Amino acid sequence: MKYVYILHSTEFPDRYYVGVTSDLKSRLAKHNAGEVSHTSKYLPWSLKTYLAFSDEAQAFAFEKYLKSASGRAFAKKRL
C-alpha cells in the first residue's frame, strides 16, 4: 500500500508539502524531526489529508499531479 499525503506547516500557514510513502506514521515523524531537507525549515507539520493506493504507479502519478499547477488548485479546493 502506498500513501499520497499532504502536509501543512502549522507555523507557516501558506506552506504545504506533497509526498508518497508506504509508512505514513514514520514519514510524518521524520518530517517533524527535521530529517527531510525540503521540509526542515517549516516545522512543525500536520497531516492535512492522505489517500491510499494499492497500485504504486497510480500513487506516484497522483503525487506528480498534485505537484502540478492544476493539481495544487485541485488540492486547495477539494482536499
PDB file of N, CA and C in Angstrom:
ATOM      1  N   MET A   1       0.843  -1.177   0.000  1.00  0.00           N
ATOM      2  CA  MET A   1       0.000   0.000   0.000  1.00  0.00           C
ATOM      3  C   MET A   1       0.890   1.243   0.000  1.00  0.00           C
ATOM      4  N   LYS A   2       0.581   2.183  -0.876  1.00  0.00           N
ATOM      5  CA  LYS A   2       1.278   3.472  -0.932  1.00  0.00           C
ATOM      6  C   LYS A   2       0.304   4.576  -0.547  1.00  0.00           C
ATOM      7  N   TYR A   3       0.811   5.566   0.161  1.00  0.00           N
ATOM      8  CA  TYR A   3       0.005   6.694   0.604  1.00  0.00           C
ATOM      9  C   TYR A   3       0.541   7.979  -0.011  1.00  0.00           C
ATOM     10  N   VAL A   4      -0.328   8.734  -0.643  1.00  0.00           N
ATOM     11  CA  VAL A   4      -0.002  10.080  -1.103  1.00  0.00           C
ATOM     12  C   VAL A   4      -0.547  11.007  -0.032  1.00  0.00           C
ATOM     13  N   TYR A   5       0.299  11.897   0.476  1.00  0.00           N
ATOM     14  CA  TYR A   5      -0.109  12.713   1.614  1.00  0.00           C
ATOM     15  C   TYR A   5       0.185  14.183   1.374  1.00  0.00           C
ATOM     16  N   ILE A   6      -0.582  15.009   2.053  1.00  0.00           N
ATOM     17  CA  ILE A   6      -0.374  16.457   2.017  1.00  0.00           C
ATOM     18  C   ILE A   6      -0.154  16.907   3.450  1.00  0.00           C
ATOM     19  N   LEU A   7       0.971  17.575   3.671  1.00  0.00           N
ATOM     20  CA  LEU A   7       1.285  18.134   4.985  1.00  0.00           C
ATOM     21  C   LEU A   7       1.054  19.633   4.957  1.00  0.00           C
ATOM     22  N   HIS A   8       0.727  20.180   6.109  1.00  0.00           N
ATOM     23  CA  HIS A   8       0.532  21.618   6.267  1.00  0.00           C
ATOM     24  C   HIS A   8       1.421  22.100   7.409  1.00  0.00           C
ATOM     25  N   SER A   9       2.182  23.144   7.159  1.00  0.00           N
ATOM     26  CA  SER A   9       3.035  23.712   8.197  1.00  0.00           C
ATOM     27  C   SER A   9       2.182  24.523   9.158  1.00  0.00           C
ATOM     28  N   THR A  10       2.278  24.227  10.445  1.00  0.00           N
ATOM     29  CA  THR A  10       1.471  24.964  11.421  1.00  0.00           C
ATOM     30  C   THR A  10       2.054  26.344  11.729  1.00  0.00           C
ATOM     31  N   GLU A  11       3.344  26.520  11.539  1.00  0.00           N
ATOM     32  CA  GLU A  11       3.982  27.817  11.790  1.00  0.00           C
ATOM     33  C   GLU A  11       3.959  28.726  10.563  1.00  0.00           C
ATOM     34  N   PHE A  12       3.902  28.149   9.384  1.00  0.00           N
ATOM     35  CA  PHE A  12       3.894  28.899   8.128  1.00  0.00           C
ATOM     36  C   PHE A  12       2.655  28.462   7.333  1.00  0.00           C
ATOM     37  N   PRO A  13       1.502  29.095   7.576  1.00  0.00           N
ATOM     38  CA  PRO A  13       0.224  28.624   7.037  1.00  0.00           C
ATOM     39  C   PRO A  13       0.150  28.522   5.513  1.00  0.00           C
ATOM     40  N   ASP A  14       1.018  29.209   4.795  1.00  0.00           N
ATOM     41  CA  ASP A  14       0.983  29.138   3.330  1.00  0.00           C
ATOM     42  C   ASP A  14       1.838  28.001   2.775  1.00  0.00           C
ATOM     43  N   ARG A  15       2.455  27.204   3.629  1.00  0.00           N
ATOM     44  CA  ARG A  15       3.335  26.113   3.194  1.00  0.00           C
ATOM     45  C   ARG A  15       2.659  24.755   3.291  1.00  0.00           C
ATOM     46  N   TYR A  16       2.747  24.030   2.174  1.00  0.00           N
ATOM     47  CA  TYR A  16       2.237  22.667   2.085  1.00  0.00           C
ATOM     48  C   TYR A  16       3.315  21.791   1.476  1.00  0.00           C
ATOM     49  N   TYR A  17       3.223  20.499   1.716  1.00  0.00           N
ATOM     50  CA  TYR A  17       4.174  19.550   1.127  1.00  0.00           C
ATOM     51  C   TYR A  17       3.399  18.316   0.698  1.00  0.00           C
ATOM     52  N   VAL A  18       3.701  17.830  -0.499  1.00  0.00           N
ATOM     53  CA  VAL A  18       3.071  16.622  -1.032  1.00  0.00           C
ATOM     54  C   VAL A  18       4.134  15.546  -1.154  1.00  0.00           C
ATOM     55  N   GLY A  19       3.811  14.340  -0.704  1.00  0.00           N
ATOM     56  CA  GLY A  19       4.763  13.242  -0.796  1.00  0.00           C
ATOM     57  C   GLY A  19       4.058  11.905  -0.909  1.00  0.00           C
ATOM     58  N   VAL A  20       4.858  10.861  -1.057  1.00  0.00           N
ATOM     59  CA  VAL A  20       4.330   9.499  -1.146  1.00  0.00           C
ATOM     60  C   VAL A  20       5.199   8.599  -0.279  1.00  0.00           C
ATOM     61  N   THR A  21       4.574   7.641   0.400  1.00  0.00           N
ATOM     62  CA  THR A  21       5.293   6.744   1.293  1.00  0.00           C
ATOM     63  C   THR A  21       4.507   5.456   1.490  1.00  0.00           C
ATOM     64  N   SER A  22       5.173   4.460   2.036  1.00  0.00           N
ATOM     65  CA  SER A  22       4.472   3.232   2.392  1.00  0.00           C
ATOM     66  C   SER A  22       4.235   3.160   3.909  1.00  0.00           C
ATOM     67  N   ASP A  23       4.865   4.059   4.676  1.00  0.00           N
ATOM     68  CA  ASP A  23       4.681   4.105   6.129  1.00  0.00           C
ATOM     69  C   ASP A  23       4.411   5.551   6.538  1.00  0.00           C
ATOM     70  N   LEU A  24       3.154   5.914   6.572  1.00  0.00           N
ATOM     71  CA  LEU A  24       2.749   7.296   6.795  1.00  0.00           C
ATOM     72  C   LEU A  24       3.163   7.830   8.164  1.00  0.00           C
ATOM     73  N   LYS A  25       2.951   7.051   9.200  1.00  0.00           N
ATOM     74  CA  LYS A  25       3.273   7.489  10.564  1.00  0.00           C
ATOM     75  C   LYS A  25       4.771   7.774  10.719  1.00  0.00           C
ATOM     76  N   SER A  26       5.590   6.883  10.211  1.00  0.00           N
ATOM     77  CA  SER A  26       7.037   7.046  10.288  1.00  0.00           C
ATOM     78  C   SER A  26       7.509   8.244   9.460  1.00  0.00           C
ATOM     79  N   ARG A  27       6.911   8.417   8.291  1.00  0.00           N
ATOM     80  CA  ARG A  27       7.322   9.523   7.418  1.00  0.00           C
ATOM     81  C   ARG A  27       6.976  10.863   8.041  1.00  0.00           C
ATOM     82  N   LEU A  28       5.801  10.979   8.647  1.00  0.00           N
ATOM     83  CA  LEU A  28       5.420  12.225   9.316  1.00  0.00           C
ATOM     84  C   LEU A  28       6.382  12.527  10.463  1.00  0.00           C
ATOM     85  N   ALA A  29       6.770  11.508  11.201  1.00  0.00           N
ATOM     86  CA  ALA A  29       7.738  11.694  12.288  1.00  0.00           C
ATOM     87  C   ALA A  29       9.075  12.208  11.755  1.00  0.00           C
ATOM     88  N   LYS A  30       9.517  11.698  10.602  1.00  0.00           N
ATOM     89  CA  LYS A  30      10.777  12.169  10.001  1.00  0.00           C
ATOM     90  C   LYS A  30      10.670  13.622   9.571  1.00  0.00           C
ATOM     91  N   HIS A  31       9.523  13.998   9.005  1.00  0.00           N
ATOM     92  CA  HIS A  31       9.331  15.408   8.626  1.00  0.00           C
ATOM     93  C   HIS A  31       9.416  16.297   9.859  1.00  0.00           C
ATOM     94  N   ASN A  32       8.763  15.913  10.933  1.00  0.00           N
ATOM     95  CA  ASN A  32       8.739  16.745  12.143  1.00  0.00           C
ATOM     96  C   ASN A  32      10.032  16.698  12.938  1.00  0.00           C
ATOM     97  N   ALA A  33      10.878  15.701  12.676  1.00  0.00           N
ATOM     98  CA  ALA A  33      12.180  15.628  13.337  1.00  0.00           C
ATOM     99  C   ALA A  33      13.240  16.423  12.565  1.00  0.00           C
ATOM    100  N   GLY A  34      12.859  16.988  11.425  1.00  0.00           N
ATOM    101  CA  GLY A  34      13.797  17.768  10.625  1.00  0.00           C
ATOM    102  C   GLY A  34      14.716  16.922   9.768  1.00  0.00           C
ATOM    103  N   GLU A  35      14.372  15.666   9.546  1.00  0.00           N
ATOM    104  CA  GLU A  35      15.217  14.751   8.782  1.00  0.00           C
ATOM    105  C   GLU A  35      14.989  14.836   7.274  1.00  0.00           C
ATOM    106  N   VAL A  36      14.022  15.627   6.836  1.00  0.00           N
ATOM    107  CA  VAL A  36      13.740  15.786   5.409  1.00  0.00           C
ATOM    108  C   VAL A  36      14.135  17.208   5.029  1.00  0.00           C
ATOM    109  N   SER A  37      15.124  17.339   4.153  1.00  0.00           N
ATOM    110  CA  SER A  37      15.685  18.657   3.840  1.00  0.00           C
ATOM    111  C   SER A  37      14.653  19.626   3.259  1.00  0.00           C
ATOM    112  N   HIS A  38      13.707  19.147   2.492  1.00  0.00           N
ATOM    113  CA  HIS A  38      12.722  20.027   1.863  1.00  0.00           C
ATOM    114  C   HIS A  38      11.725  20.607   2.856  1.00  0.00           C
ATOM    115  N   THR A  39      11.562  19.977   3.995  1.00  0.00           N
ATOM    116  CA  THR A  39      10.551  20.441   4.955  1.00  0.00           C
ATOM    117  C   THR A  39      11.135  20.912   6.280  1.00  0.00           C
ATOM    118  N   SER A  40      12.420  20.778   6.475  1.00  0.00           N
ATOM    119  CA  SER A  40      13.022  21.047   7.788  1.00  0.00           C
ATOM    120  C   SER A  40      12.909  22.499   8.239  1.00  0.00           C
ATOM    121  N   LYS A  41      12.844  23.448   7.326  1.00  0.00           N
ATOM    122  CA  LYS A  41      12.799  24.844   7.749  1.00  0.00           C
ATOM    123  C   LYS A  41      11.387  25.363   8.035  1.00  0.00           C
ATOM    124  N   TYR A  42      10.369  24.513   7.842  1.00  0.00           N
ATOM    125  CA  TYR A  42       8.992  24.945   8.077  1.00  0.00           C
ATOM    126  C   TYR A  42       8.286  24.093   9.133  1.00  0.00           C
ATOM    127  N   LEU A  43       9.022  23.619  10.114  1.00  0.00           N
ATOM    128  CA  LEU A  43       8.476  22.792  11.191  1.00  0.00           C
ATOM    129  C   LEU A  43       7.528  23.588  12.074  1.00  0.00           C
ATOM    130  N   PRO A  44       6.603  22.962  12.740  1.00  0.00           N
ATOM    131  CA  PRO A  44       6.172  21.565  12.646  1.00  0.00           C
ATOM    132  C   PRO A  44       5.118  21.385  11.547  1.00  0.00           C
ATOM    133  N   TRP A  45       4.914  20.127  11.182  1.00  0.00           N
ATOM    134  CA  TRP A  45       3.967  19.762  10.129  1.00  0.00           C
ATOM    135  C   TRP A  45       2.809  18.968  10.712  1.00  0.00           C
ATOM    136  N   SER A  46       1.631  19.180  10.140  1.00  0.00           N
ATOM    137  CA  SER A  46       0.473  18.360  10.498  1.00  0.00           C
ATOM    138  C   SER A  46      -0.055  17.720   9.219  1.00  0.00           C
ATOM    139  N   LEU A  47      -0.656  16.583   9.369  1.00  0.00           N
ATOM    140  CA  LEU A  47      -1.193  15.853   8.231  1.00  0.00           C
ATOM    141  C   LEU A  47      -2.522  16.483   7.833  1.00  0.00           C
ATOM    142  N   LYS A  48      -2.602  17.002   6.608  1.00  0.00           N
ATOM    143  CA  LYS A  48      -3.844  17.604   6.129  1.00  0.00           C
ATOM    144  C   LYS A  48      -4.760  16.532   5.577  1.00  0.00           C
ATOM    145  N   THR A  49      -4.233  15.688   4.691  1.00  0.00           N
ATOM    146  CA  THR A  49      -5.021  14.598   4.119  1.00  0.00           C
ATOM    147  C   THR A  49      -4.099  13.552   3.521  1.00  0.00           C
ATOM    148  N   TYR A  50      -4.632  12.371   3.301  1.00  0.00           N
ATOM    149  CA  TYR A  50      -3.871  11.327   2.620  1.00  0.00           C
ATOM    150  C   TYR A  50      -4.825  10.419   1.869  1.00  0.00           C
ATOM    151  N   LEU A  51      -4.309   9.775   0.828  1.00  0.00           N
ATOM    152  CA  LEU A  51      -5.067   8.808   0.045  1.00  0.00           C
ATOM    153  C   LEU A  51      -4.230   7.554  -0.070  1.00  0.00           C
ATOM    154  N   ALA A  52      -4.877   6.408   0.046  1.00  0.00           N
ATOM    155  CA  ALA A  52      -4.190   5.118  -0.044  1.00  0.00           C
ATOM    156  C   ALA A  52      -4.380   4.537  -1.441  1.00  0.00           C
ATOM    157  N   PHE A  53      -3.306   3.991  -1.994  1.00  0.00           N
ATOM    158  CA  PHE A  53      -3.319   3.371  -3.315  1.00  0.00           C
ATOM    159  C   PHE A  53      -2.753   1.964  -3.206  1.00  0.00           C
ATOM    160  N   SER A  54      -3.417   1.013  -3.821  1.00  0.00           N
ATOM    161  CA  SER A  54      -2.876  -0.346  -3.875  1.00  0.00           C
ATOM    162  C   SER A  54      -1.908  -0.485  -5.046  1.00  0.00           C
ATOM    163  N   ASP A  55      -2.015   0.403  -6.029  1.00  0.00           N
ATOM    164  CA  ASP A  55      -1.143   0.394  -7.202  1.00  0.00           C
ATOM    165  C   ASP A  55      -0.078   1.488  -7.047  1.00  0.00           C
ATOM    166  N   GLU A  56       1.179   1.075  -6.962  1.00  0.00           N
ATOM    167  CA  GLU A  56       2.283   2.015  -6.747  1.00  0.00           C
ATOM    168  C   GLU A  56       2.392   3.043  -7.869  1.00  0.00           C
ATOM    169  N   ALA A  57       2.204   2.618  -9.112  1.00  0.00           N
ATOM    170  CA  ALA A  57       2.305   3.538 -10.252  1.00  0.00           C
ATOM    171  C   ALA A  57       1.234   4.626 -10.172  1.00  0.00           C
ATOM    172  N   GLN A  58       0.034   4.260  -9.760  1.00  0.00           N
ATOM    173  CA  GLN A  58      -1.035   5.251  -9.613  1.00  0.00           C
ATOM    174  C   GLN A  58      -0.709   6.246  -8.505  1.00  0.00           C
ATOM    175  N   ALA A  59      -0.113   5.766  -7.438  1.00  0.00           N
ATOM    176  CA  ALA A  59       0.255   6.650  -6.326  1.00  0.00           C
ATOM    177  C   ALA A  59       1.277   7.689  -6.784  1.00  0.00           C
ATOM    178  N   PHE A  60       2.302   7.257  -7.486  1.00  0.00           N
ATOM    179  CA  PHE A  60       3.326   8.193  -7.957  1.00  0.00           C
ATOM    180  C   PHE A  60       2.762   9.151  -9.004  1.00  0.00           C
ATOM    181  N   ALA A  61       1.845   8.668  -9.846  1.00  0.00           N
ATOM    182  CA  ALA A  61       1.216   9.535 -10.844  1.00  0.00           C
ATOM    183  C   ALA A  61       0.354  10.598 -10.167  1.00  0.00           C
ATOM    184  N   PHE A  62      -0.377  10.222  -9.111  1.00  0.00           N
ATOM    185  CA  PHE A  62      -1.219  11.183  -8.400  1.00  0.00           C
ATOM    186  C   PHE A  62      -0.362  12.200  -7.647  1.00  0.00           C
ATOM    187  N   GLU A  63       0.734  11.754  -7.058  1.00  0.00           N
ATOM    188  CA  GLU A  63       1.658  12.690  -6.394  1.00  0.00           C
ATOM    189  C   GLU A  63       2.180  13.703  -7.400  1.00  0.00           C
ATOM    190  N   LYS A  64       2.578  13.234  -8.564  1.00  0.00           N
ATOM    191  CA  LYS A  64       3.090  14.129  -9.613  1.00  0.00           C
ATOM    192  C   LYS A  64       2.015  15.136 -10.027  1.00  0.00           C
ATOM    193  N   TYR A  65       0.782  14.660 -10.154  1.00  0.00           N
ATOM    194  CA  TYR A  65      -0.331  15.554 -10.500  1.00  0.00           C
ATOM    195  C   TYR A  65      -0.523  16.621  -9.422  1.00  0.00           C
ATOM    196  N   LEU A  66      -0.515  16.229  -8.145  1.00  0.00           N
ATOM    197  CA  LEU A  66      -0.718  17.198  -7.064  1.00  0.00           C
ATOM    198  C   LEU A  66       0.382  18.250  -7.003  1.00  0.00           C
ATOM    199  N   LYS A  67       1.543  17.943  -7.544  1.00  0.00           N
ATOM    200  CA  LYS A  67       2.649  18.899  -7.562  1.00  0.00           C
ATOM    201  C   LYS A  67       2.588  19.826  -8.770  1.00  0.00           C
ATOM    202  N   SER A  68       1.671  19.569  -9.702  1.00  0.00           N
ATOM    203  CA  SER A  68       1.490  20.437 -10.872  1.00  0.00           C
ATOM    204  C   SER A  68       0.585  21.610 -10.482  1.00  0.00           C
ATOM    205  N   ALA A  69       0.512  22.615 -11.341  1.00  0.00           N
ATOM    206  CA  ALA A  69      -0.327  23.788 -11.063  1.00  0.00           C
ATOM    207  C   ALA A  69      -1.799  23.405 -10.933  1.00  0.00           C
ATOM    208  N   SER A  70      -2.298  22.597 -11.841  1.00  0.00           N
ATOM    209  CA  SER A  70      -3.710  22.213 -11.764  1.00  0.00           C
ATOM    210  C   SER A  70      -3.958  21.297 -10.564  1.00  0.00           C
ATOM    211  N   GLY A  71      -2.988  20.467 -10.216  1.00  0.00           N
ATOM    212  CA  GLY A  71      -3.111  19.601  -9.054  1.00  0.00           C
ATOM    213  C   GLY A  71      -3.125  20.386  -7.755  1.00  0.00           C
ATOM    214  N   ARG A  72      -2.302  21.431  -7.668  1.00  0.00           N
ATOM    215  CA  ARG A  72      -2.308  22.290  -6.476  1.00  0.00           C
ATOM    216  C   ARG A  72      -3.662  22.992  -6.324  1.00  0.00           C
ATOM    217  N   ALA A  73      -4.229  23.458  -7.452  1.00  0.00           N
ATOM    218  CA  ALA A  73      -5.544  24.101  -7.413  1.00  0.00           C
ATOM    219  C   ALA A  73      -6.613  23.101  -6.973  1.00  0.00           C
ATOM    220  N   PHE A  74      -6.551  21.890  -7.503  1.00  0.00           N
ATOM    221  CA  PHE A  74      -7.493  20.843  -7.109  1.00  0.00           C
ATOM    222  C   PHE A  74      -7.394  20.559  -5.614  1.00  0.00           C
ATOM    223  N   ALA A  75      -6.181  20.390  -5.112  1.00  0.00           N
ATOM    224  CA  ALA A  75      -5.986  20.080  -3.696  1.00  0.00           C
ATOM    225  C   ALA A  75      -6.476  21.214  -2.808  1.00  0.00           C
ATOM    226  N   LYS A  76      -6.217  22.442  -3.211  1.00  0.00           N
ATOM    227  CA  LYS A  76      -6.640  23.585  -2.407  1.00  0.00           C
ATOM    228  C   LYS A  76      -8.166  23.675  -2.319  1.00  0.00           C
ATOM    229  N   LYS A  77      -8.832  23.348  -3.421  1.00  0.00           N
ATOM    230  CA  LYS A  77     -10.281  23.445  -3.458  1.00  0.00           C
ATOM    231  C   LYS A  77     -10.981  22.212  -2.892  1.00  0.00           C
ATOM    232  N   ARG A  78     -10.442  21.014  -3.138  1.00  0.00           N
ATOM    233  CA  ARG A  78     -11.157  19.783  -2.837  1.00  0.00           C
ATOM    234  C   ARG A  78     -10.609  18.964  -1.671  1.00  0.00           C
ATOM    235  N   LEU A  79      -9.335  19.122  -1.352  1.00  0.00           N
ATOM    236  CA  LEU A  79      -8.756  18.268  -0.301  1.00  0.00           C
ATOM    237  C   LEU A  79      -8.532  19.082   0.936  1.00  0.00           C
TER     238      LEU A  79
END
